N, C-alpha and C. Protein backbone atom coordinates (compact mmCIF):
# COMPACT_ATOMS: atom_id res chain seq x y z
N MET A 1 0.90 -0.76 -0.08
CA MET A 1 -0.23 0.13 -0.01
C MET A 1 0.71 1.42 -0.10
N ARG A 2 0.46 1.76 -0.92
CA ARG A 2 1.33 3.17 -0.86
C ARG A 2 0.81 4.77 -0.14
N ARG A 3 1.61 4.95 0.52
CA ARG A 3 1.12 5.97 1.18
C ARG A 3 0.75 7.69 0.51
N VAL A 4 -0.03 8.21 0.61
CA VAL A 4 -0.24 9.82 0.07
C VAL A 4 0.83 10.51 0.55
N ALA A 5 1.45 11.06 0.03
CA ALA A 5 2.30 12.35 0.40
C ALA A 5 1.52 13.31 0.79
N ARG A 6 2.12 13.69 2.22
CA ARG A 6 1.33 15.28 2.47
C ARG A 6 2.46 16.03 2.23
N PRO A 7 2.26 17.49 1.71
CA PRO A 7 3.27 18.33 1.40
C PRO A 7 3.81 19.11 2.71
N TRP A 8 2.85 19.45 3.79
CA TRP A 8 3.38 20.02 4.79
C TRP A 8 4.40 19.00 5.41
N ALA A 9 3.94 17.69 5.82
CA ALA A 9 4.98 16.72 6.42
C ALA A 9 6.29 16.86 5.78
N ALA A 10 6.59 17.13 4.39
CA ALA A 10 7.71 16.62 3.36
C ALA A 10 7.90 18.36 4.07
N ALA A 11 7.50 19.25 4.27
CA ALA A 11 8.16 20.83 4.45
C ALA A 11 8.74 20.54 5.92
N ARG A 12 8.14 20.19 6.62
CA ARG A 12 8.33 20.11 8.03
C ARG A 12 9.67 19.39 8.32
N ALA A 13 9.82 18.10 7.60
CA ALA A 13 10.78 16.98 7.85
C ALA A 13 12.32 17.84 7.02
N ARG A 14 11.90 18.97 5.94
CA ARG A 14 12.93 19.39 5.47
C ARG A 14 13.61 20.65 6.24
N GLY A 15 12.55 21.22 7.08
CA GLY A 15 12.87 22.82 8.00
C GLY A 15 12.77 23.81 7.49
N ASP A 16 11.70 23.77 6.16
CA ASP A 16 11.46 25.22 5.79
C ASP A 16 10.31 25.78 5.98
N GLY A 17 9.90 25.51 7.45
CA GLY A 17 8.59 25.84 8.08
C GLY A 17 8.64 27.48 8.15
N ASP A 18 7.42 27.88 8.86
CA ASP A 18 7.87 29.29 9.45
C ASP A 18 7.39 29.06 11.18
N GLY A 19 8.15 27.69 11.07
CA GLY A 19 8.04 27.76 13.08
C GLY A 19 8.57 29.32 13.21
N GLY A 20 7.45 29.55 14.48
CA GLY A 20 7.89 30.96 15.36
C GLY A 20 7.58 32.64 14.43
N SER A 21 7.52 32.26 13.23
CA SER A 21 7.86 33.60 12.56
C SER A 21 5.95 34.09 12.69
N ALA A 22 5.44 33.86 13.07
CA ALA A 22 4.28 34.28 13.55
C ALA A 22 4.05 34.93 14.70
N LEU A 23 4.85 34.22 15.93
CA LEU A 23 5.00 35.44 17.13
C LEU A 23 5.59 36.60 16.65
N VAL A 24 6.64 36.48 15.96
CA VAL A 24 7.52 37.57 15.96
C VAL A 24 7.00 38.75 15.03
N GLU A 25 5.78 38.11 13.67
CA GLU A 25 5.00 39.17 13.33
C GLU A 25 4.16 39.97 14.36
N PHE A 26 3.84 39.10 14.85
CA PHE A 26 2.65 39.62 16.48
C PHE A 26 2.95 40.67 16.89
N LEU A 27 4.12 40.35 17.31
CA LEU A 27 4.71 41.27 18.35
C LEU A 27 5.45 42.58 17.23
N GLY A 28 5.67 42.57 16.26
CA GLY A 28 6.03 43.58 15.14
C GLY A 28 5.39 44.49 15.05
N ILE A 29 3.80 43.59 14.71
CA ILE A 29 2.62 44.40 14.21
C ILE A 29 2.42 45.35 15.23
N SER A 30 2.59 44.39 16.59
CA SER A 30 1.60 44.86 17.71
C SER A 30 2.63 46.19 18.29
N LEU A 31 3.65 46.50 18.15
CA LEU A 31 4.29 47.42 18.74
C LEU A 31 4.18 48.58 17.77
N VAL A 32 4.16 48.52 16.47
CA VAL A 32 4.00 49.14 15.62
C VAL A 32 2.30 49.58 15.40
N LEU A 33 1.56 49.08 16.22
CA LEU A 33 -0.19 49.81 16.09
C LEU A 33 -0.02 50.34 17.87
N LEU A 34 0.55 49.54 18.54
CA LEU A 34 0.29 49.81 19.57
C LEU A 34 0.88 51.12 20.22
N VAL A 35 2.16 51.47 20.01
CA VAL A 35 2.92 52.45 20.54
C VAL A 35 2.25 53.95 20.04
N PRO A 36 2.28 53.95 18.37
CA PRO A 36 1.02 55.03 18.39
C PRO A 36 0.01 55.54 19.29
N ILE A 37 -0.40 54.35 19.80
CA ILE A 37 -2.33 54.75 20.12
C ILE A 37 -2.21 54.98 21.45
N VAL A 38 -0.88 54.02 22.12
CA VAL A 38 -0.70 54.69 23.73
C VAL A 38 -0.40 56.34 23.26
N TYR A 39 0.47 56.80 22.83
CA TYR A 39 1.19 57.99 22.46
C TYR A 39 0.00 59.28 22.30
N LEU A 40 -1.05 58.28 21.57
CA LEU A 40 -2.19 59.09 20.73
C LEU A 40 -3.07 59.92 22.70
N VAL A 41 -3.16 58.00 23.25
CA VAL A 41 -4.28 58.60 24.20
C VAL A 41 -3.29 59.40 25.60
N LEU A 42 -2.12 59.75 25.50
CA LEU A 42 -1.22 60.43 26.43
C LEU A 42 -1.90 61.75 25.75
N VAL A 43 -1.24 62.52 24.85
CA VAL A 43 -1.71 63.36 24.14
C VAL A 43 -3.38 64.03 24.28
N LEU A 44 -3.90 63.27 24.03
CA LEU A 44 -5.58 63.37 23.91
C LEU A 44 -5.79 63.98 25.88
N GLY A 45 -4.88 62.75 26.33
CA GLY A 45 -5.56 63.15 27.69
C GLY A 45 -5.12 64.52 28.58
N ARG A 46 -3.78 64.54 27.97
CA ARG A 46 -3.01 66.11 28.63
C ARG A 46 -3.89 67.48 28.02
N ILE A 47 -4.60 67.48 26.53
CA ILE A 47 -5.32 68.39 26.42
C ILE A 47 -6.64 68.60 26.82
N GLN A 48 -7.10 66.98 27.09
CA GLN A 48 -8.18 67.03 27.51
C GLN A 48 -8.23 67.76 29.13
N ALA A 49 -7.20 67.36 29.91
CA ALA A 49 -7.03 68.62 31.30
C ALA A 49 -6.93 69.35 31.24
N ALA A 50 -6.11 70.17 29.78
CA ALA A 50 -6.00 71.81 30.03
C ALA A 50 -7.39 72.50 29.31
N THR A 51 -8.12 71.58 28.37
CA THR A 51 -9.65 72.08 28.18
C THR A 51 -10.25 72.26 29.86
N PHE A 52 -10.06 71.08 30.52
CA PHE A 52 -10.78 71.24 32.00
C PHE A 52 -10.28 72.80 32.54
N ALA A 53 -9.13 72.88 32.60
CA ALA A 53 -8.36 73.93 33.56
C ALA A 53 -8.47 75.57 33.12
N ALA A 54 -8.67 75.13 31.23
CA ALA A 54 -9.28 76.29 31.07
C ALA A 54 -10.24 77.13 31.17
N GLU A 55 -11.79 76.19 30.93
CA GLU A 55 -12.72 76.34 31.20
C GLU A 55 -13.02 76.58 32.20
N GLY A 56 -12.73 75.97 33.40
CA GLY A 56 -12.58 76.17 35.03
C GLY A 56 -12.48 77.60 35.76
N ALA A 57 -10.94 78.01 34.95
CA ALA A 57 -10.04 78.95 34.98
C ALA A 57 -10.83 80.18 34.88
N ALA A 58 -11.44 80.62 33.17
CA ALA A 58 -12.14 81.20 32.75
C ALA A 58 -13.37 81.36 33.37
N ARG A 59 -14.46 80.74 33.82
CA ARG A 59 -15.57 80.50 34.69
C ARG A 59 -15.06 81.09 35.80
N GLU A 60 -14.28 80.86 36.67
CA GLU A 60 -13.97 81.32 38.31
C GLU A 60 -12.94 82.62 38.10
N ALA A 61 -12.56 82.91 36.87
CA ALA A 61 -11.92 84.25 37.08
C ALA A 61 -12.83 85.23 37.16
N ALA A 62 -13.94 85.13 35.63
CA ALA A 62 -14.75 86.23 35.51
C ALA A 62 -15.78 86.15 36.73
N ARG A 63 -16.11 84.77 37.25
CA ARG A 63 -17.06 85.31 38.25
C ARG A 63 -16.54 86.08 39.42
N VAL A 64 -15.50 85.35 40.03
CA VAL A 64 -14.78 85.98 41.18
C VAL A 64 -14.77 87.77 40.69
N TYR A 65 -14.11 88.03 39.42
CA TYR A 65 -13.64 89.85 39.11
C TYR A 65 -14.97 90.07 39.71
N VAL A 66 -16.34 89.98 39.04
CA VAL A 66 -17.31 90.69 39.02
C VAL A 66 -17.71 90.77 40.32
N ALA A 67 -17.50 89.61 41.10
CA ALA A 67 -18.22 89.85 42.47
C ALA A 67 -16.69 90.47 43.60
N ALA A 68 -15.92 91.53 43.25
CA ALA A 68 -15.01 91.67 43.70
C ALA A 68 -15.33 93.27 44.18
N ASP A 69 -14.92 94.10 45.15
CA ASP A 69 -15.28 95.65 45.65
C ASP A 69 -14.65 96.36 44.74
N ASP A 70 -13.85 96.24 44.38
CA ASP A 70 -12.78 97.11 43.41
C ASP A 70 -12.16 96.48 41.85
N ALA A 71 -11.41 97.19 40.87
CA ALA A 71 -11.03 96.54 39.76
C ALA A 71 -9.35 95.92 40.32
N GLU A 72 -8.74 96.26 40.99
CA GLU A 72 -7.62 95.78 41.92
C GLU A 72 -7.86 94.53 42.29
N GLN A 73 -8.76 94.64 43.14
CA GLN A 73 -9.18 93.19 44.01
C GLN A 73 -9.55 92.06 43.16
N GLY A 74 -10.34 92.43 41.85
CA GLY A 74 -11.09 91.71 40.96
C GLY A 74 -9.73 91.08 40.76
N ALA A 75 -8.89 91.98 39.88
CA ALA A 75 -7.55 91.35 39.31
C ALA A 75 -6.67 90.24 39.97
N VAL A 76 -6.91 90.78 41.07
CA VAL A 76 -6.24 89.80 42.48
C VAL A 76 -6.95 88.07 42.39
N ARG A 77 -7.65 88.41 42.31
CA ARG A 77 -8.34 87.40 42.78
C ARG A 77 -8.62 86.30 41.73
N ALA A 78 -8.97 87.24 40.68
CA ALA A 78 -9.21 86.33 39.10
C ALA A 78 -7.80 85.40 38.97
N VAL A 79 -6.41 86.35 38.75
CA VAL A 79 -5.68 85.39 38.94
C VAL A 79 -5.15 84.66 40.32
N THR A 80 -5.13 84.66 40.87
CA THR A 80 -5.47 83.46 42.26
C THR A 80 -6.36 82.00 41.72
N ALA A 81 -7.59 82.73 41.30
CA ALA A 81 -8.54 81.53 40.83
C ALA A 81 -7.88 80.85 39.51
N VAL A 82 -7.17 81.13 38.45
CA VAL A 82 -6.78 80.37 37.47
C VAL A 82 -5.41 80.05 38.02
N GLY A 83 -4.83 80.30 38.97
CA GLY A 83 -3.41 79.38 39.53
C GLY A 83 -4.15 78.31 40.16
N ILE A 84 -5.39 78.59 41.03
CA ILE A 84 -5.87 76.94 41.10
C ILE A 84 -6.17 76.44 40.52
N ALA A 85 -7.16 76.74 39.49
CA ALA A 85 -7.54 75.81 38.34
C ALA A 85 -6.55 75.04 37.67
N LEU A 86 -5.42 75.82 37.57
CA LEU A 86 -4.38 75.87 36.37
C LEU A 86 -3.53 74.21 37.60
N VAL A 87 -3.03 74.53 38.60
CA VAL A 87 -2.39 73.63 39.40
C VAL A 87 -3.38 72.29 39.59
N ASP A 88 -4.98 72.64 39.75
CA ASP A 88 -5.54 71.07 39.41
C ASP A 88 -5.64 70.31 38.74
N GLN A 89 -5.26 70.58 37.69
CA GLN A 89 -5.56 69.78 36.77
C GLN A 89 -3.65 69.65 35.94
N GLY A 90 -2.50 69.94 36.94
CA GLY A 90 -1.28 69.65 36.87
C GLY A 90 -0.62 70.82 35.85
N PHE A 91 -0.62 71.72 35.83
CA PHE A 91 -0.28 72.91 34.57
C PHE A 91 0.72 73.68 35.65
N ASP A 92 1.70 73.84 35.23
CA ASP A 92 2.40 75.03 35.73
C ASP A 92 2.88 76.46 34.94
N ASP A 93 1.57 76.64 34.25
CA ASP A 93 1.67 78.15 33.62
C ASP A 93 1.74 79.20 34.53
N ASP A 94 2.39 80.39 34.55
CA ASP A 94 1.93 81.44 35.12
C ASP A 94 0.76 82.00 34.81
N PRO A 95 0.22 81.91 35.84
CA PRO A 95 -1.46 82.84 35.91
C PRO A 95 -1.62 83.93 35.33
N ALA A 96 -0.67 84.81 36.19
CA ALA A 96 -0.91 86.10 35.24
C ALA A 96 -0.87 85.96 33.78
N GLY A 97 -0.03 85.20 32.93
CA GLY A 97 0.48 85.40 31.77
C GLY A 97 -1.16 84.71 31.14
N ALA A 98 -1.52 83.63 31.66
CA ALA A 98 -2.64 82.91 31.08
C ALA A 98 -4.14 83.26 31.12
N LEU A 99 -3.87 84.45 31.99
CA LEU A 99 -5.31 85.42 32.07
C LEU A 99 -5.41 86.70 31.07
N ASP A 100 -6.60 86.83 30.70
CA ASP A 100 -6.61 88.25 29.73
C ASP A 100 -8.16 88.93 30.34
N VAL A 101 -8.03 89.79 30.83
CA VAL A 101 -9.27 90.30 31.16
C VAL A 101 -9.42 91.63 30.65
N ARG A 102 -11.38 91.52 30.12
CA ARG A 102 -11.41 92.91 29.45
C ARG A 102 -13.01 93.27 30.03
N CYS A 103 -12.76 94.62 29.75
CA CYS A 103 -14.54 94.86 30.53
C CYS A 103 -15.04 95.67 29.15
N SER A 104 -16.28 95.87 28.78
CA SER A 104 -17.02 96.67 28.25
C SER A 104 -17.15 97.79 28.73
N ALA A 105 -17.32 98.25 29.72
CA ALA A 105 -17.09 99.43 30.48
C ALA A 105 -15.85 100.10 30.86
N ASP A 106 -15.81 101.85 30.99
CA ASP A 106 -14.65 102.20 32.07
C ASP A 106 -15.26 103.20 32.80
N PRO A 107 -15.30 102.61 34.19
CA PRO A 107 -14.14 101.59 34.74
C PRO A 107 -15.50 99.81 34.55
N CYS A 108 -14.49 99.31 35.03
CA CYS A 108 -14.97 97.77 34.78
C CYS A 108 -15.83 97.75 35.10
N LEU A 109 -16.21 97.76 36.58
CA LEU A 109 -17.19 97.45 37.32
C LEU A 109 -18.60 98.13 37.62
N THR A 110 -18.60 99.13 36.00
CA THR A 110 -19.88 99.63 36.12
C THR A 110 -20.93 98.73 36.25
N PRO A 111 -22.27 99.16 36.99
CA PRO A 111 -23.59 97.88 36.93
C PRO A 111 -23.88 98.05 35.44
N GLY A 112 -24.47 96.58 35.08
CA GLY A 112 -24.23 96.63 33.82
C GLY A 112 -23.51 96.30 32.91
N ALA A 113 -22.35 96.62 32.58
CA ALA A 113 -21.13 96.23 32.21
C ALA A 113 -21.14 94.69 31.98
N GLU A 114 -19.96 93.88 30.88
CA GLU A 114 -19.79 92.51 30.80
C GLU A 114 -18.12 92.33 31.50
N VAL A 115 -17.51 91.53 31.69
CA VAL A 115 -16.25 91.12 31.90
C VAL A 115 -15.95 89.52 31.58
N ALA A 116 -14.88 89.82 30.58
CA ALA A 116 -14.76 88.70 30.12
C ALA A 116 -13.16 88.35 30.80
N ALA A 117 -13.71 87.03 30.52
CA ALA A 117 -11.99 86.35 30.89
C ALA A 117 -11.53 85.17 30.27
N THR A 118 -10.37 85.28 29.54
CA THR A 118 -10.20 84.35 28.39
C THR A 118 -8.68 83.79 29.40
N VAL A 119 -8.72 82.35 29.18
CA VAL A 119 -7.18 81.77 29.72
C VAL A 119 -6.96 80.71 28.51
N GLN A 120 -5.71 80.99 28.34
CA GLN A 120 -5.00 80.13 27.22
C GLN A 120 -4.12 79.77 27.63
N VAL A 121 -3.59 77.95 27.88
CA VAL A 121 -2.94 77.00 28.12
C VAL A 121 -2.21 76.08 27.22
N ARG A 122 -0.87 76.30 27.30
CA ARG A 122 -0.38 75.68 26.41
C ARG A 122 0.42 74.07 26.59
N VAL A 123 -0.06 73.22 25.97
CA VAL A 123 0.03 71.70 26.10
C VAL A 123 1.45 71.32 25.74
N PRO A 124 2.37 71.32 26.26
CA PRO A 124 3.46 70.27 25.37
C PRO A 124 3.09 69.22 25.15
N LEU A 125 3.64 68.67 23.97
CA LEU A 125 3.23 66.75 23.52
C LEU A 125 4.61 66.45 24.41
N PRO A 126 4.20 65.28 24.98
CA PRO A 126 5.14 64.39 25.65
C PRO A 126 5.99 63.71 25.01
N PHE A 127 7.26 63.14 26.05
CA PHE A 127 8.16 62.58 25.20
C PHE A 127 8.96 63.25 24.11
N VAL A 128 9.33 64.40 24.09
CA VAL A 128 9.75 65.44 23.14
C VAL A 128 11.04 65.78 23.66
N PRO A 129 12.14 65.47 22.84
CA PRO A 129 13.43 66.13 23.27
C PRO A 129 13.27 67.74 23.00
N THR A 130 13.97 68.13 24.24
CA THR A 130 14.29 69.51 24.33
C THR A 130 14.78 70.11 23.00
N PHE A 131 15.81 69.55 22.42
CA PHE A 131 16.46 70.03 21.27
C PHE A 131 15.18 70.01 20.12
N VAL A 132 14.33 69.44 20.33
CA VAL A 132 13.59 69.30 18.72
C VAL A 132 12.62 70.63 19.48
N ARG A 133 11.97 70.76 20.64
CA ARG A 133 11.17 71.64 20.75
C ARG A 133 11.86 73.54 20.62
N ASP A 134 13.41 73.50 20.88
CA ASP A 134 14.34 74.66 20.40
C ASP A 134 13.80 74.76 18.85
N VAL A 135 13.78 73.65 18.37
CA VAL A 135 13.68 74.12 16.93
C VAL A 135 12.21 74.25 16.18
N VAL A 136 11.24 73.28 16.76
CA VAL A 136 9.71 73.30 16.10
C VAL A 136 8.95 73.38 17.24
N PRO A 137 8.19 74.40 17.06
CA PRO A 137 7.22 74.61 18.52
C PRO A 137 6.67 73.26 18.79
N LEU A 138 6.18 72.89 19.56
CA LEU A 138 5.16 71.50 19.64
C LEU A 138 4.55 71.42 20.93
N GLU A 139 3.58 72.58 20.65
CA GLU A 139 2.28 72.53 21.69
C GLU A 139 1.68 72.83 20.97
N VAL A 140 0.19 72.46 22.11
CA VAL A 140 -1.20 72.82 21.40
C VAL A 140 -1.54 73.91 22.35
N PRO A 141 -2.18 74.91 21.93
CA PRO A 141 -3.02 75.90 22.91
C PRO A 141 -4.32 75.82 22.73
N VAL A 142 -4.43 75.95 24.01
CA VAL A 142 -6.56 75.36 24.22
C VAL A 142 -6.76 76.95 24.89
N THR A 143 -7.61 77.44 24.61
CA THR A 143 -8.22 78.59 25.06
C THR A 143 -9.35 78.49 25.09
N ALA A 144 -10.00 79.04 26.35
CA ALA A 144 -11.51 79.49 26.58
C ALA A 144 -11.75 80.90 27.33
N GLU A 145 -12.71 81.16 27.38
CA GLU A 145 -13.48 81.92 27.45
C GLU A 145 -14.63 82.08 28.40
N ARG A 146 -15.20 83.37 29.36
CA ARG A 146 -16.02 83.29 29.71
C ARG A 146 -16.70 84.89 30.21
N VAL A 147 -17.74 85.44 29.86
CA VAL A 147 -18.25 86.59 30.29
C VAL A 147 -19.15 86.37 31.56
N ALA A 148 -18.74 87.39 31.97
CA ALA A 148 -19.56 87.11 33.56
C ALA A 148 -20.52 89.03 33.23
N PRO A 149 -21.93 89.17 33.38
CA PRO A 149 -22.32 90.23 33.86
C PRO A 149 -22.17 90.73 35.02
N VAL A 150 -21.74 92.33 35.62
CA VAL A 150 -21.65 93.03 36.56
C VAL A 150 -23.03 93.15 36.98
N ASP A 151 -23.66 92.87 38.56
CA ASP A 151 -24.74 93.31 38.56
C ASP A 151 -25.42 94.51 38.62
N MET A 152 -26.44 94.47 37.99
CA MET A 152 -27.14 96.01 37.56
C MET A 152 -27.24 96.93 38.77
N PHE A 153 -27.38 96.11 40.09
CA PHE A 153 -27.82 96.56 41.36
C PHE A 153 -26.59 97.24 42.49
N ARG A 154 -25.53 96.84 41.78
CA ARG A 154 -24.31 97.16 42.46
C ARG A 154 -24.22 98.67 42.84
N MET A 155 -23.18 99.57 43.82
CA MET A 155 -22.43 100.57 43.58
C MET A 155 -21.87 100.85 42.29
N ALA A 156 -21.42 101.62 41.51
CA ALA A 156 -19.83 101.85 40.48
C ALA A 156 -18.94 101.97 41.45
N ARG A 157 -18.03 101.52 41.11
CA ARG A 157 -16.73 101.85 42.05
C ARG A 157 -15.81 101.70 41.07
């Protein structure tokens, strides 16, 4: 009786097989796909944190500014509120540099006026070496603005 030749058995006997190459291909493809996805998640997480920080900082800065007794006290309170919001999300930006306050009237706390607070946070891309940052600006600016009305029934100061 004659045996039917099996092509894979003959290839295995010769040593021409793909033994172990599937594992190497899987690891190679996994690294090529997984590393950029993990980096993307890290970057998007930092941008989302910056968005939370900028939104909260702008809202609180406008709110505390219009609740202050005078414009100087409002400016100090607004910078403090921005500093707290930025530190809460892990950013060490200068609060006074990140905040811009604009008023629709002069003096700023005139009843019925509006105070707009704009906060800008710059998010550096993680794991980028400093020598590359010196050549190419690798940061994402995140900006938020809030407008708060000055109470109509307060005394002008």
